[in-house]
N, C-alpha and C. Protein backbone atom coordinates (compact mmCIF):
# COMPACT_ATOMS: atom_id res chain seq x y z
N THR A 1 89.19 134.72 113.49
CA THR A 1 89.97 134.99 114.65
C THR A 1 89.11 134.76 116.13
N ASN A 2 89.87 134.08 116.78
CA ASN A 2 89.21 133.64 118.24
C ASN A 2 88.06 132.86 117.92
N VAL A 3 88.08 131.84 117.03
CA VAL A 3 86.92 130.93 116.97
C VAL A 3 87.34 129.62 117.58
N GLY A 4 86.30 128.82 117.85
CA GLY A 4 86.58 127.75 118.58
C GLY A 4 87.34 126.62 117.78
N GLY A 5 87.75 125.55 118.30
CA GLY A 5 88.39 124.30 117.61
C GLY A 5 87.59 123.76 116.54
N TYR A 6 86.47 123.70 116.67
CA TYR A 6 85.52 123.17 115.76
C TYR A 6 85.08 123.82 114.68
N TYR A 7 85.54 125.06 114.54
CA TYR A 7 84.92 126.07 113.45
C TYR A 7 85.22 125.67 112.08
N GLY A 8 86.50 125.16 111.73
CA GLY A 8 86.82 124.98 110.35
C GLY A 8 86.65 123.53 110.01
N VAL A 9 86.12 122.64 110.77
CA VAL A 9 85.99 121.23 110.35
C VAL A 9 84.54 120.87 110.41
N THR A 10 84.39 119.82 109.43
CA THR A 10 82.93 119.31 109.49
C THR A 10 82.86 117.67 109.86
N TYR A 11 82.50 117.52 111.11
CA TYR A 11 82.49 116.13 111.76
C TYR A 11 81.33 115.36 111.04
N THR A 12 81.53 114.23 110.39
CA THR A 12 80.41 113.81 109.45
C THR A 12 79.25 113.22 110.40
N ARG A 13 79.67 112.82 111.70
CA ARG A 13 78.39 112.25 112.38
C ARG A 13 77.41 113.57 112.78
N ASP A 14 78.07 114.69 113.04
CA ASP A 14 77.23 115.73 113.20
C ASP A 14 76.54 116.32 112.01
N MET A 15 77.25 116.31 111.01
CA MET A 15 76.82 116.82 109.75
C MET A 15 75.56 116.01 109.19
N GLY A 16 75.69 114.60 109.15
CA GLY A 16 74.71 113.78 108.89
C GLY A 16 73.34 114.04 109.51
N ARG A 17 73.67 114.27 110.90
CA ARG A 17 72.44 114.37 111.83
C ARG A 17 71.85 115.66 111.61
N SER A 18 72.69 116.82 111.49
CA SER A 18 72.19 118.19 111.37
C SER A 18 71.43 118.43 109.88
N LEU A 19 72.04 117.72 108.85
CA LEU A 19 71.44 117.99 107.55
C LEU A 19 69.93 117.21 107.41
N GLN A 20 69.96 116.01 108.28
CA GLN A 20 68.54 115.47 108.25
C GLN A 20 67.60 116.45 108.90
N GLU A 21 68.24 117.14 109.97
CA GLU A 21 67.09 118.01 110.43
C GLU A 21 66.82 119.24 109.59
N ILE A 22 67.65 119.98 108.93
CA ILE A 22 67.32 121.11 108.05
C ILE A 22 66.47 120.60 106.97
N THR A 23 66.51 119.29 106.49
CA THR A 23 65.66 118.72 105.37
C THR A 23 64.24 118.68 105.97
N MET A 24 64.17 118.17 107.06
CA MET A 24 62.61 117.90 107.66
C MET A 24 62.15 119.14 108.04
N LEU A 25 62.99 120.22 108.33
CA LEU A 25 62.50 121.43 108.53
C LEU A 25 62.00 122.22 107.38
N GLY A 26 62.24 121.64 106.04
CA GLY A 26 61.74 122.26 104.79
C GLY A 26 62.82 123.10 104.07
N TYR A 27 64.05 123.01 104.59
CA TYR A 27 65.10 123.81 103.86
C TYR A 27 65.76 123.24 102.79
N THR A 28 64.93 122.50 101.84
CA THR A 28 65.38 121.76 100.88
C THR A 28 66.39 122.21 99.85
N ASN A 29 66.29 123.41 99.64
CA ASN A 29 67.22 124.14 98.68
C ASN A 29 68.67 124.17 99.24
N GLU A 30 68.79 124.64 100.64
CA GLU A 30 69.93 124.55 101.34
C GLU A 30 70.44 123.04 101.40
N ALA A 31 69.61 122.08 101.65
CA ALA A 31 69.77 120.65 101.69
C ALA A 31 70.55 120.19 100.46
N VAL A 32 70.02 120.59 99.52
CA VAL A 32 70.41 120.11 97.98
C VAL A 32 71.83 120.58 97.67
N ARG A 33 72.07 121.93 98.22
CA ARG A 33 73.46 122.36 98.03
C ARG A 33 74.36 121.80 99.06
N CYS A 34 74.00 121.52 100.16
CA CYS A 34 74.94 120.78 101.17
C CYS A 34 75.22 119.37 100.69
N ALA A 35 74.15 118.66 99.99
CA ALA A 35 74.44 117.21 99.47
C ALA A 35 75.37 117.35 98.38
N ALA A 36 75.38 118.29 97.47
CA ALA A 36 76.30 118.51 96.41
C ALA A 36 77.75 118.73 96.90
N CYS A 37 77.98 119.49 98.00
CA CYS A 37 79.23 119.68 98.65
C CYS A 37 79.65 118.31 99.36
N ASP A 38 78.83 117.44 99.94
CA ASP A 38 79.18 116.16 100.55
C ASP A 38 79.58 115.29 99.61
N LEU A 39 78.89 115.19 98.64
CA LEU A 39 79.29 114.03 97.59
C LEU A 39 80.63 114.46 96.69
N LYS A 40 80.74 115.79 96.63
CA LYS A 40 82.12 116.06 96.19
C LYS A 40 83.25 115.89 97.06
N GLU A 41 83.04 116.02 98.31
CA GLU A 41 84.05 115.73 99.39
C GLU A 41 84.28 114.40 99.45
N ALA A 42 83.28 113.50 99.46
CA ALA A 42 83.43 112.14 99.36
C ALA A 42 84.48 111.57 98.34
N ARG A 43 84.52 112.11 97.25
CA ARG A 43 85.29 111.84 96.00
C ARG A 43 86.84 111.86 96.30
N LEU A 44 87.05 112.75 97.26
CA LEU A 44 88.56 113.03 97.55
C LEU A 44 89.30 111.85 97.68
N TYR A 45 88.63 110.95 98.50
CA TYR A 45 89.52 109.67 98.81
C TYR A 45 90.00 108.93 97.49
N ALA A 46 88.96 108.98 96.48
CA ALA A 46 89.38 108.20 95.33
C ALA A 46 90.32 108.96 94.29
N THR A 47 90.29 110.40 94.76
CA THR A 47 90.88 111.23 93.54
C THR A 47 92.41 111.83 93.98
N ASP A 48 92.35 111.93 95.45
CA ASP A 48 93.68 112.54 96.03
C ASP A 48 94.78 111.42 96.27
N SER A 49 95.77 111.25 95.50
CA SER A 49 96.78 110.34 95.81
C SER A 49 97.43 110.37 97.29
N SER A 50 97.43 111.57 97.91
CA SER A 50 98.07 111.57 99.15
C SER A 50 96.93 110.80 100.06
N LEU A 51 95.88 110.49 99.92
CA LEU A 51 95.10 109.85 100.80
C LEU A 51 95.01 108.32 100.63
N LYS A 52 96.10 107.79 99.97
CA LYS A 52 96.03 106.22 99.91
C LYS A 52 96.39 105.83 101.11
N TYR A 53 95.62 104.62 101.43
CA TYR A 53 95.92 104.01 102.68
C TYR A 53 96.18 102.62 102.42
N LYS A 54 97.39 102.19 103.15
CA LYS A 54 98.10 100.97 103.05
C LYS A 54 98.31 100.75 101.65
N GLY A 55 98.60 101.89 100.93
CA GLY A 55 99.13 101.75 99.43
C GLY A 55 97.83 101.60 98.49
N VAL A 56 96.66 101.79 98.92
CA VAL A 56 95.50 101.73 98.15
C VAL A 56 94.70 103.02 97.98
N SER A 57 94.05 103.37 96.92
CA SER A 57 93.30 104.42 96.80
C SER A 57 92.01 104.00 97.30
N LEU A 58 91.28 104.51 98.34
CA LEU A 58 90.04 104.11 98.71
C LEU A 58 88.96 104.50 97.96
N PRO A 59 87.87 103.69 98.06
CA PRO A 59 86.60 104.24 97.15
C PRO A 59 86.02 105.60 97.84
N PRO A 60 85.00 106.28 97.23
CA PRO A 60 84.56 107.47 97.77
C PRO A 60 83.77 107.26 99.09
N HIS A 61 84.05 107.95 100.04
CA HIS A 61 83.26 107.87 101.31
C HIS A 61 83.52 109.02 102.23
N TRP A 62 82.96 109.17 103.21
CA TRP A 62 83.14 110.06 104.15
C TRP A 62 83.94 109.58 105.46
N GLY A 63 84.98 110.19 105.87
CA GLY A 63 85.74 109.84 107.15
C GLY A 63 85.32 110.56 108.18
N ASP A 64 86.09 110.89 109.18
CA ASP A 64 85.51 111.86 110.28
C ASP A 64 85.35 113.20 109.98
N LEU A 65 86.35 113.71 109.15
CA LEU A 65 86.08 115.29 108.78
C LEU A 65 85.93 115.20 107.33
N ALA A 66 84.72 115.77 106.85
CA ALA A 66 84.28 115.70 105.50
C ALA A 66 85.19 116.69 104.70
N ASN A 67 85.46 117.73 105.28
CA ASN A 67 86.25 118.79 104.62
C ASN A 67 87.86 118.71 104.73
N HIS A 68 88.21 117.85 105.44
CA HIS A 68 89.66 117.69 105.64
C HIS A 68 89.88 116.09 105.84
N PRO A 69 89.69 115.31 104.85
CA PRO A 69 89.86 113.95 104.73
C PRO A 69 91.19 113.45 105.23
N ARG A 70 91.37 112.29 105.99
CA ARG A 70 92.60 111.96 106.46
C ARG A 70 92.45 110.37 106.77
N ASN A 71 93.63 109.86 106.99
CA ASN A 71 93.71 108.34 107.09
C ASN A 71 94.43 107.93 108.48
N PRO A 72 94.14 106.86 109.07
CA PRO A 72 92.82 106.02 108.97
C PRO A 72 91.71 106.76 109.46
N SER A 73 90.66 106.75 108.73
CA SER A 73 89.46 107.24 109.25
C SER A 73 88.23 106.57 108.56
N PHE A 74 87.86 105.36 109.41
CA PHE A 74 86.82 104.64 108.99
C PHE A 74 85.56 105.02 110.08
N GLU A 75 85.06 106.03 109.65
CA GLU A 75 84.19 106.72 110.59
C GLU A 75 82.94 106.29 110.11
N ASN A 76 82.28 105.07 110.50
CA ASN A 76 81.23 104.49 109.95
C ASN A 76 79.83 105.10 110.49
N ASP A 77 79.84 105.64 111.81
CA ASP A 77 78.70 106.21 112.00
C ASP A 77 78.55 107.45 111.24
N GLY A 78 79.52 108.34 110.92
CA GLY A 78 79.35 109.36 110.06
C GLY A 78 78.98 108.95 108.59
N GLN A 79 79.63 107.99 108.04
CA GLN A 79 79.00 107.43 106.81
C GLN A 79 77.57 107.02 107.10
N GLY A 80 77.15 106.34 107.86
CA GLY A 80 75.77 105.97 107.91
C GLY A 80 74.92 107.03 108.15
N LEU A 81 75.08 107.98 108.89
CA LEU A 81 74.20 109.29 109.35
C LEU A 81 74.26 110.10 108.07
N THR A 82 75.36 110.41 107.30
CA THR A 82 75.42 111.22 106.07
C THR A 82 74.49 110.62 105.02
N THR A 83 74.69 109.29 104.77
CA THR A 83 73.86 108.56 103.89
C THR A 83 72.70 108.63 104.14
N MET A 84 72.03 108.47 105.37
CA MET A 84 70.54 108.62 105.72
C MET A 84 70.04 110.15 105.46
N PHE A 85 71.14 111.10 105.58
CA PHE A 85 70.73 112.32 105.15
C PHE A 85 70.22 112.19 103.60
N LEU A 86 71.05 111.74 102.91
CA LEU A 86 70.58 111.67 101.32
C LEU A 86 69.35 111.03 101.05
N TYR A 87 69.17 110.05 101.85
CA TYR A 87 67.92 109.28 101.92
C TYR A 87 66.66 110.28 102.32
N LYS A 88 66.94 111.01 103.50
CA LYS A 88 65.86 111.94 103.90
C LYS A 88 65.47 112.85 102.77
N LEU A 89 66.73 113.33 102.28
CA LEU A 89 66.53 114.49 101.20
C LEU A 89 65.89 114.06 100.00
N TRP A 90 66.02 112.87 99.79
CA TRP A 90 65.34 112.16 98.65
C TRP A 90 63.85 112.16 98.66
N GLN A 91 63.48 111.75 99.97
CA GLN A 91 62.17 111.66 100.39
C GLN A 91 61.45 112.78 100.22
N TRP A 92 62.17 114.09 100.54
CA TRP A 92 61.49 115.18 100.54
C TRP A 92 61.40 116.21 99.31
N LEU A 93 62.16 115.66 98.38
CA LEU A 93 62.27 116.59 97.13
C LEU A 93 61.06 116.20 96.17
N PRO A 94 60.51 117.24 95.72
CA PRO A 94 59.46 116.93 94.69
C PRO A 94 59.84 116.42 93.24
N ASP A 95 61.10 116.64 92.98
CA ASP A 95 61.84 116.05 91.75
C ASP A 95 62.82 115.02 92.17
N ARG A 96 62.37 114.19 93.08
CA ARG A 96 63.52 113.21 93.57
C ARG A 96 63.95 112.25 92.50
N ASP A 97 63.18 111.70 91.51
CA ASP A 97 63.57 110.87 90.73
C ASP A 97 64.90 111.64 89.65
N ALA A 98 64.69 112.93 89.45
CA ALA A 98 65.68 113.58 88.43
C ALA A 98 66.98 113.94 89.49
N TRP A 99 66.60 114.12 90.76
CA TRP A 99 67.80 114.36 91.40
C TRP A 99 68.74 113.16 91.78
N LEU A 100 67.98 112.04 92.06
CA LEU A 100 68.70 110.73 92.23
C LEU A 100 69.50 110.31 90.89
N ARG A 101 68.81 110.44 89.79
CA ARG A 101 69.32 109.98 88.45
C ARG A 101 70.53 110.91 88.07
N ALA A 102 70.55 112.06 88.45
CA ALA A 102 71.62 113.03 88.32
C ALA A 102 72.85 112.81 89.14
N ASN A 103 72.64 112.12 90.42
CA ASN A 103 73.78 112.00 91.47
C ASN A 103 73.86 110.52 91.70
N TRP A 104 73.36 109.66 90.83
CA TRP A 104 73.38 108.13 91.25
C TRP A 104 74.93 107.70 91.35
N THR A 105 75.80 107.98 90.52
CA THR A 105 77.14 107.58 90.75
C THR A 105 77.59 107.80 92.17
N ASP A 106 77.35 108.99 92.59
CA ASP A 106 77.92 109.26 94.06
C ASP A 106 77.03 108.64 95.01
N VAL A 107 75.74 108.46 94.82
CA VAL A 107 74.93 108.05 95.97
C VAL A 107 75.15 106.58 95.98
N GLN A 108 75.42 106.02 94.76
CA GLN A 108 75.77 104.40 94.62
C GLN A 108 77.18 104.12 95.54
N ALA A 109 78.05 105.23 95.39
CA ALA A 109 79.36 104.99 96.06
C ALA A 109 79.26 104.92 97.62
N SER A 110 78.17 105.74 98.12
CA SER A 110 77.97 105.72 99.59
C SER A 110 77.59 104.33 100.06
N GLY A 111 76.89 103.68 99.29
CA GLY A 111 76.59 102.28 99.65
C GLY A 111 77.48 101.27 99.47
N ASP A 112 78.15 101.46 98.34
CA ASP A 112 79.19 100.53 98.06
C ASP A 112 80.36 100.47 98.84
N TRP A 113 80.62 101.65 99.55
CA TRP A 113 81.74 101.79 100.42
C TRP A 113 81.57 100.79 101.63
N ILE A 114 80.49 100.48 101.99
CA ILE A 114 80.16 99.68 103.25
C ILE A 114 80.50 98.22 102.62
N LEU A 115 79.88 97.94 101.47
CA LEU A 115 80.32 96.43 100.96
C LEU A 115 81.90 96.31 100.63
N TRP A 116 82.54 97.46 100.30
CA TRP A 116 83.80 97.38 100.09
C TRP A 116 84.62 97.12 101.32
N GLN A 117 84.33 97.68 102.42
CA GLN A 117 85.00 97.47 103.69
C GLN A 117 84.85 95.88 104.06
N LEU A 118 83.63 95.34 104.02
CA LEU A 118 83.63 94.09 104.20
C LEU A 118 84.28 92.98 103.39
N ALA A 119 84.45 93.49 102.16
CA ALA A 119 85.09 92.68 101.09
C ALA A 119 86.66 92.83 101.32
N HIS A 120 87.04 93.87 102.02
CA HIS A 120 88.62 94.01 102.00
C HIS A 120 88.89 94.35 103.60
N PRO A 121 88.81 93.19 104.49
CA PRO A 121 89.13 93.34 105.75
C PRO A 121 90.62 93.48 105.98
N GLU A 122 91.37 93.02 105.25
CA GLU A 122 92.99 93.28 105.34
C GLU A 122 93.16 94.83 105.33
N ILE A 123 92.41 95.59 104.67
CA ILE A 123 92.53 96.93 104.75
C ILE A 123 91.60 97.83 105.67
N SER A 124 90.39 97.38 105.81
CA SER A 124 89.46 98.08 106.51
C SER A 124 89.43 97.65 107.90
N GLY A 125 89.70 96.44 108.33
CA GLY A 125 89.69 95.77 109.48
C GLY A 125 88.37 95.15 110.00
N ALA A 126 87.33 95.25 108.94
CA ALA A 126 86.08 94.55 109.24
C ALA A 126 86.30 93.21 109.55
N THR A 127 85.55 92.47 110.29
CA THR A 127 85.67 91.03 110.68
C THR A 127 84.27 90.48 110.93
N ASN A 128 84.09 89.16 110.46
CA ASN A 128 82.95 88.52 110.79
C ASN A 128 81.64 89.30 110.64
N GLY A 129 81.69 90.04 109.52
CA GLY A 129 80.36 90.64 109.19
C GLY A 129 80.19 91.97 109.74
N ILE A 130 81.07 92.37 110.56
CA ILE A 130 80.99 93.64 111.38
C ILE A 130 82.00 94.55 110.88
N LEU A 131 81.80 95.89 110.92
CA LEU A 131 82.79 96.94 110.32
C LEU A 131 83.98 97.30 111.50
N HIS A 132 84.99 97.90 111.11
CA HIS A 132 85.97 98.29 112.03
C HIS A 132 85.77 99.83 112.06
N THR A 133 85.46 100.37 113.07
CA THR A 133 85.21 101.78 113.14
C THR A 133 86.22 102.59 113.93
N THR A 134 86.89 103.72 113.45
CA THR A 134 87.80 104.66 114.22
C THR A 134 86.93 105.77 114.62
N GLY A 135 87.35 106.53 115.60
CA GLY A 135 86.63 107.59 116.10
C GLY A 135 86.05 107.24 117.49
N GLU A 136 85.32 108.15 118.05
CA GLU A 136 84.77 107.82 119.27
C GLU A 136 83.72 106.65 119.49
N SER A 137 82.97 106.47 118.36
CA SER A 137 81.90 105.55 118.52
C SER A 137 82.52 104.15 118.49
N GLY A 138 83.73 104.06 118.04
CA GLY A 138 84.37 102.79 118.02
C GLY A 138 85.61 102.75 119.25
N ASP A 139 85.25 103.67 120.01
CA ASP A 139 86.34 103.66 121.25
C ASP A 139 87.74 103.85 120.63
N GLY A 140 87.91 104.85 119.59
CA GLY A 140 89.12 105.01 119.05
C GLY A 140 89.41 104.12 117.78
N THR A 141 89.44 102.92 118.02
CA THR A 141 89.65 101.89 117.04
C THR A 141 88.89 100.47 117.56
N GLY A 142 87.99 100.34 116.84
CA GLY A 142 87.26 98.88 117.45
C GLY A 142 86.00 98.68 116.71
N HIS A 143 85.02 98.02 117.45
CA HIS A 143 83.83 97.46 116.68
C HIS A 143 82.81 97.88 117.59
N ALA A 144 81.81 98.45 117.19
CA ALA A 144 80.69 99.01 117.91
C ALA A 144 79.27 98.77 117.19
N VAL A 145 78.33 98.66 117.93
CA VAL A 145 76.96 98.48 117.31
C VAL A 145 76.34 99.64 116.80
N TYR A 146 76.62 100.84 117.27
CA TYR A 146 75.93 102.01 116.71
C TYR A 146 76.30 102.32 115.22
N PRO A 147 77.59 102.51 114.90
CA PRO A 147 78.10 102.64 113.55
C PRO A 147 77.63 101.60 112.80
N ASP A 148 77.73 100.42 113.15
CA ASP A 148 77.28 99.21 112.41
C ASP A 148 75.79 99.35 111.98
N SER A 149 75.00 99.69 112.91
CA SER A 149 73.63 99.71 112.88
C SER A 149 73.26 100.98 111.77
N ALA A 150 73.97 102.00 111.91
CA ALA A 150 73.79 103.25 111.19
C ALA A 150 73.93 102.90 109.70
N CYS A 151 74.93 102.08 109.41
CA CYS A 151 75.25 101.66 108.12
C CYS A 151 74.26 100.56 107.64
N MET A 152 73.91 99.74 108.53
CA MET A 152 72.91 98.57 108.19
C MET A 152 71.54 99.25 107.58
N TYR A 153 71.19 100.21 108.35
CA TYR A 153 69.79 101.07 107.96
C TYR A 153 70.09 101.92 106.95
N SER A 154 71.28 102.49 106.60
CA SER A 154 71.55 103.26 105.42
C SER A 154 71.45 102.47 104.23
N LEU A 155 71.96 101.15 104.34
CA LEU A 155 71.95 100.32 103.14
C LEU A 155 70.36 99.95 102.68
N ARG A 156 69.54 99.86 103.78
CA ARG A 156 68.27 99.54 103.38
C ARG A 156 67.53 100.69 102.81
N ALA A 157 67.79 101.77 103.42
CA ALA A 157 67.26 103.29 102.79
C ALA A 157 67.73 103.30 101.37
N LEU A 158 69.12 103.04 100.96
CA LEU A 158 69.49 103.21 99.59
C LEU A 158 68.95 102.13 98.84
N ALA A 159 68.55 101.17 99.17
CA ALA A 159 67.86 99.96 98.47
C ALA A 159 66.54 100.54 97.93
N GLN A 160 65.85 101.18 98.73
CA GLN A 160 64.68 101.92 98.40
C GLN A 160 64.85 102.92 97.39
N MET A 161 65.89 103.65 97.38
CA MET A 161 66.13 104.59 96.48
C MET A 161 66.49 104.02 95.11
N ALA A 162 67.45 103.02 95.19
CA ALA A 162 67.77 102.28 93.87
C ALA A 162 66.69 101.84 93.32
N ASP A 163 65.74 101.17 93.97
CA ASP A 163 64.54 100.54 93.41
C ASP A 163 63.60 101.46 92.49
N SER A 164 63.71 102.59 93.12
CA SER A 164 62.83 103.80 92.55
C SER A 164 63.30 104.04 91.11
N ILE A 165 64.44 103.74 90.64
CA ILE A 165 64.77 104.28 89.38
C ILE A 165 65.43 103.04 88.66
N GLY A 166 65.00 101.79 89.12
CA GLY A 166 65.33 100.62 88.45
C GLY A 166 66.77 100.23 88.56
N GLU A 167 67.40 100.55 89.61
CA GLU A 167 68.76 100.05 89.92
C GLU A 167 68.77 98.87 90.76
N THR A 168 68.13 97.71 90.31
CA THR A 168 67.78 96.63 91.08
C THR A 168 68.91 96.06 91.58
N ASN A 169 70.19 95.85 90.89
CA ASN A 169 71.22 95.03 91.21
C ASN A 169 71.86 95.79 92.50
N SER A 170 72.11 97.12 92.55
CA SER A 170 72.57 97.72 93.81
C SER A 170 71.53 97.39 94.87
N ALA A 171 70.38 97.48 94.60
CA ALA A 171 69.36 97.46 95.68
C ALA A 171 69.35 95.98 96.29
N GLU A 172 69.58 95.08 95.46
CA GLU A 172 69.72 93.63 96.10
C GLU A 172 70.93 93.40 96.73
N GLN A 173 72.04 93.93 96.34
CA GLN A 173 73.34 93.74 96.93
C GLN A 173 73.32 94.43 98.27
N TRP A 174 72.60 95.57 98.36
CA TRP A 174 72.53 96.35 99.55
C TRP A 174 71.82 95.59 100.73
N ARG A 175 70.63 95.12 100.16
CA ARG A 175 69.73 94.47 101.07
C ARG A 175 70.35 93.26 101.78
N VAL A 176 70.89 92.30 100.61
CA VAL A 176 71.69 91.31 101.24
C VAL A 176 72.67 91.57 102.31
N CYS A 177 73.74 92.69 102.00
CA CYS A 177 74.53 93.09 103.05
C CYS A 177 73.98 93.48 104.12
N ALA A 178 72.94 94.30 104.28
CA ALA A 178 72.28 94.62 105.49
C ALA A 178 71.76 93.55 106.24
N ASP A 179 71.14 92.58 105.51
CA ASP A 179 70.55 91.33 106.31
C ASP A 179 71.79 90.49 107.03
N LYS A 180 72.79 90.62 106.21
CA LYS A 180 74.12 89.74 106.79
C LYS A 180 74.59 90.61 108.08
N MET A 181 74.69 91.82 107.97
CA MET A 181 75.03 92.81 109.00
C MET A 181 74.27 92.76 110.21
N GLN A 182 72.74 92.59 109.87
CA GLN A 182 72.04 92.43 111.21
C GLN A 182 72.28 91.16 111.82
N ALA A 183 72.44 90.06 111.17
CA ALA A 183 72.86 88.91 111.72
C ALA A 183 74.02 88.91 112.33
N ALA A 184 75.16 89.47 111.91
CA ALA A 184 76.30 89.64 112.50
C ALA A 184 76.39 90.54 113.85
N ILE A 185 75.50 91.55 113.73
CA ILE A 185 75.44 92.40 115.06
C ILE A 185 74.70 91.63 116.20
N SER A 186 74.03 90.67 115.80
CA SER A 186 73.23 89.83 116.86
C SER A 186 74.12 88.86 117.35
N SER A 187 75.03 88.37 116.45
CA SER A 187 75.78 87.08 117.10
C SER A 187 77.18 87.80 117.53
N GLN A 188 77.60 88.94 117.25
CA GLN A 188 78.92 89.46 117.65
C GLN A 188 78.77 90.42 118.93
N TYR A 189 77.63 91.06 119.05
CA TYR A 189 77.58 92.15 120.05
C TYR A 189 76.63 91.81 121.29
N ILE A 190 75.94 90.59 120.97
CA ILE A 190 75.05 90.13 122.08
C ILE A 190 75.37 88.78 122.66
N ILE A 191 75.37 88.66 123.96
CA ILE A 191 75.67 87.50 124.49
C ILE A 191 74.45 86.79 125.37
N HIS A 192 74.26 85.77 125.67
CA HIS A 192 73.09 85.08 126.48
C HIS A 192 73.70 84.84 127.88
N ASP A 193 73.47 85.62 128.61
CA ASP A 193 73.72 85.59 130.12
C ASP A 193 73.02 84.60 130.86
N PRO A 194 73.52 83.60 131.53
CA PRO A 194 72.63 82.71 132.17
C PRO A 194 71.58 83.19 133.22
N GLN A 195 71.90 84.45 133.68
CA GLN A 195 70.95 85.12 134.74
C GLN A 195 70.11 85.87 133.86
N TYR A 196 70.53 86.80 133.01
CA TYR A 196 69.70 87.87 132.51
C TYR A 196 69.34 87.73 130.98
N GLY A 197 69.88 86.52 130.45
CA GLY A 197 69.39 86.35 128.98
C GLY A 197 70.31 87.17 128.00
N PRO A 198 69.59 87.49 126.86
CA PRO A 198 70.13 88.31 125.85
C PRO A 198 70.60 89.66 126.45
N VAL A 199 71.95 90.03 126.43
CA VAL A 199 72.49 91.31 126.94
C VAL A 199 73.59 91.74 126.00
N TRP A 200 73.82 92.90 125.77
CA TRP A 200 75.04 93.59 125.18
C TRP A 200 76.40 93.04 125.67
N ARG A 201 77.31 92.82 124.93
CA ARG A 201 78.49 92.42 125.51
C ARG A 201 79.13 93.68 126.22
N SER A 202 79.78 93.47 127.33
CA SER A 202 80.21 94.64 128.10
C SER A 202 81.43 95.45 127.34
N ASP A 203 82.14 94.72 126.46
CA ASP A 203 83.23 95.33 125.98
C ASP A 203 82.79 96.13 124.50
């Protein structure tokens, strides 16, 4: 009763950032429980037929609202930040290998969602190596360096995790994709102004 508008929803960009913070403050037991919930919620896109988008069941991922998934919701800043939470948690866990092996299918899905978007531009809106983002960081619906960078760094983080348990195929795919994204970010978002040199595009 009388709660604010944000009380019942979990925005993934805030969730990913906040969960990194509680992990680094040492609340790893709570962080493990949150990760289990996050990974379960990501699966809803693949298992709930009402969440089909353009007639397709999307792979597991996080949209803008983790606990109330909806479409279209290509919230790539939230995806990147929540994936970085998994990486930070993995770094801090004393039994990190056991945790990662137990959750590998879901962790792998968090990286593969980025690859899937780039491989299915007709559905995701990704173009020329950059992602299409809905939500505030994509100005409602568009392209933006912040969510792309968050996803690029999360792929590199996931590659470290994958290598640690011998999942080298995933690690290689994610590193290759991250390198392509970095090149695309530089070519798509930066222009060479005759007066000022390399600057961000105004749009």
